[in-house]
Amino acid sequence: MLVVDDDEFQRSVLRKLLMAEHYDVKFAENGLDALEMMRQRQYDLVLLDLLMPGMSGLDVMQQIRMHPGLAAAPVIIISGEHEKETVVECLQLGASGYVVKPYTRKTLLAKIAKTFA
């Protein structure tokens, strides 16, 4: 699993939560690093923040979906953005799910489990 978030606190929270569930987790601090990591290795799931400097999560989603080797990767958006238009746009771009920050452990793990089902 690849977690893409520029916020160190968010990465730390997700690291603890996901590793406690025995997920193999790698981290990227920005969209460019995430895309490079995805070109090097296939991930079974990407947890992607939307608001990041440089390349936004929406830009990353578009790049993932346009690249034949990456297009099949399931992506769950994790963001503080909760406007309906943003959620719809992410789902139209092919996101497997959307989780609004702040989220509960139960909500996030349920969304992840649903993606793997």
Protein backbone atom coordinates (compact mmCIF):
# COMPACT_ATOMS: atom_id res chain seq x y z
CA MET A 1 0.00 0.00 0.00
CA LEU A 2 1.23 3.49 -0.82
CA VAL A 3 0.24 6.51 1.30
CA VAL A 4 0.68 9.91 -0.38
CA ASP A 5 0.41 12.89 1.96
CA ASP A 6 2.60 15.95 2.44
CA ASP A 7 1.68 16.25 6.13
CA GLU A 8 4.10 14.43 8.45
CA PHE A 9 1.48 14.14 11.20
CA GLN A 10 -1.00 12.47 8.83
CA ARG A 11 1.68 10.06 7.60
CA SER A 12 2.55 9.22 11.21
CA VAL A 13 -1.09 8.55 12.12
CA LEU A 14 -1.59 6.36 9.04
CA ARG A 15 1.72 4.56 9.66
CA LYS A 16 0.62 3.53 13.16
CA LEU A 17 -2.93 2.64 12.15
CA LEU A 18 -2.03 0.60 9.07
CA MET A 19 1.02 -1.15 10.47
CA ALA A 20 -1.05 -2.22 13.50
CA GLU A 21 -3.28 -3.97 10.94
CA HIS A 22 -0.18 -5.61 9.38
CA TYR A 23 -0.33 -3.74 6.10
CA ASP A 24 2.92 -3.33 4.18
CA VAL A 25 2.99 0.45 3.82
CA LYS A 26 5.26 2.81 1.89
CA PHE A 27 5.03 6.60 2.00
CA ALA A 28 5.43 9.46 -0.45
CA GLU A 29 5.46 13.12 0.57
CA ASN A 30 4.24 14.46 -2.76
CA GLY A 31 2.63 13.51 -6.05
CA LEU A 32 5.81 13.37 -8.12
CA ASP A 33 7.47 10.97 -5.68
CA ALA A 34 4.31 8.86 -5.59
CA LEU A 35 4.18 8.51 -9.37
CA GLU A 36 7.86 7.58 -9.50
CA MET A 37 7.36 4.97 -6.77
CA MET A 38 4.37 3.56 -8.65
CA ARG A 39 6.43 3.23 -11.83
CA GLN A 40 8.98 1.19 -9.88
CA ARG A 41 6.57 -1.09 -8.03
CA GLN A 42 2.93 -2.10 -8.25
CA TYR A 43 0.87 -1.23 -5.15
CA ASP A 44 -2.35 -2.98 -4.23
CA LEU A 45 -3.82 0.30 -2.94
CA VAL A 46 -2.99 4.02 -2.90
CA LEU A 47 -4.25 6.33 -0.16
CA LEU A 48 -4.02 9.81 -1.67
CA ASP A 49 -4.37 13.26 -0.13
CA LEU A 50 -5.81 15.98 -2.37
CA LEU A 51 -4.22 19.16 -1.08
CA MET A 52 -0.48 18.93 -1.61
CA PRO A 53 2.04 21.48 -2.86
CA GLY A 54 3.28 21.16 -6.42
CA MET A 55 1.03 18.44 -7.78
CA SER A 56 -2.44 18.09 -6.28
CA GLY A 57 -4.06 14.76 -5.58
CA LEU A 58 -6.42 15.37 -8.52
CA ASP A 59 -3.41 15.79 -10.80
CA VAL A 60 -1.91 12.59 -9.43
CA MET A 61 -5.21 10.75 -10.03
CA GLN A 62 -5.27 11.96 -13.64
CA GLN A 63 -1.68 10.82 -14.19
CA ILE A 64 -2.40 7.41 -12.66
CA ARG A 65 -5.46 6.87 -14.83
CA MET A 66 -3.70 7.99 -18.04
CA HIS A 67 -0.68 5.69 -17.55
CA PRO A 68 -1.35 2.14 -18.81
CA GLY A 69 0.89 0.55 -16.19
CA LEU A 70 -0.75 2.40 -13.31
CA ALA A 71 -4.37 2.78 -14.39
CA ALA A 72 -5.65 -0.33 -12.60
CA ALA A 73 -4.34 0.74 -9.16
CA PRO A 74 -7.18 1.28 -6.69
CA VAL A 75 -7.04 4.74 -5.10
CA ILE A 76 -8.83 5.96 -2.00
CA ILE A 77 -8.82 9.73 -1.52
CA ILE A 78 -8.28 10.91 2.06
CA SER A 79 -8.94 14.63 2.31
CA GLY A 80 -10.33 17.45 4.39
CA GLU A 81 -12.18 18.57 1.25
CA HIS A 82 -15.79 17.52 1.69
CA GLU A 83 -17.59 19.51 -0.98
CA LYS A 84 -19.87 17.33 -3.08
CA GLU A 85 -18.31 18.55 -6.36
CA THR A 86 -14.83 17.51 -5.22
CA VAL A 87 -15.99 14.07 -4.13
CA VAL A 88 -17.87 13.53 -7.40
CA GLU A 89 -14.88 14.67 -9.47
CA CYS A 90 -12.59 12.21 -7.68
CA LEU A 91 -15.00 9.34 -8.18
CA GLN A 92 -15.41 10.28 -11.86
CA LEU A 93 -11.61 10.18 -12.22
CA GLY A 94 -11.73 6.61 -10.96
CA ALA A 95 -11.17 6.81 -7.22
CA SER A 96 -12.31 3.63 -5.46
CA GLY A 97 -13.45 5.60 -2.45
CA TYR A 98 -13.32 8.88 -0.57
CA VAL A 99 -12.68 9.40 3.15
CA VAL A 100 -13.09 12.83 4.75
CA LYS A 101 -10.60 14.00 7.39
CA PRO A 102 -10.90 13.75 10.27
CA TYR A 103 -11.83 10.10 9.91
CA THR A 104 -12.22 7.33 12.43
CA ARG A 105 -10.04 4.23 12.42
CA LYS A 106 -13.17 2.12 11.82
CA THR A 107 -14.26 4.21 8.81
CA LEU A 108 -10.88 4.09 7.13
CA LEU A 109 -10.35 0.37 7.70
CA ALA A 110 -13.86 -0.38 6.41
CA LYS A 111 -13.17 1.61 3.22
CA ILE A 112 -9.86 -0.24 2.74
CA ALA A 113 -11.52 -3.62 3.35
CA LYS A 114 -14.25 -2.78 0.84
CA THR A 115 -11.60 -1.96 -1.78
CA PHE A 116 -9.91 -5.32 -1.23
CA ALA A 117 -13.22 -7.25 -1.27
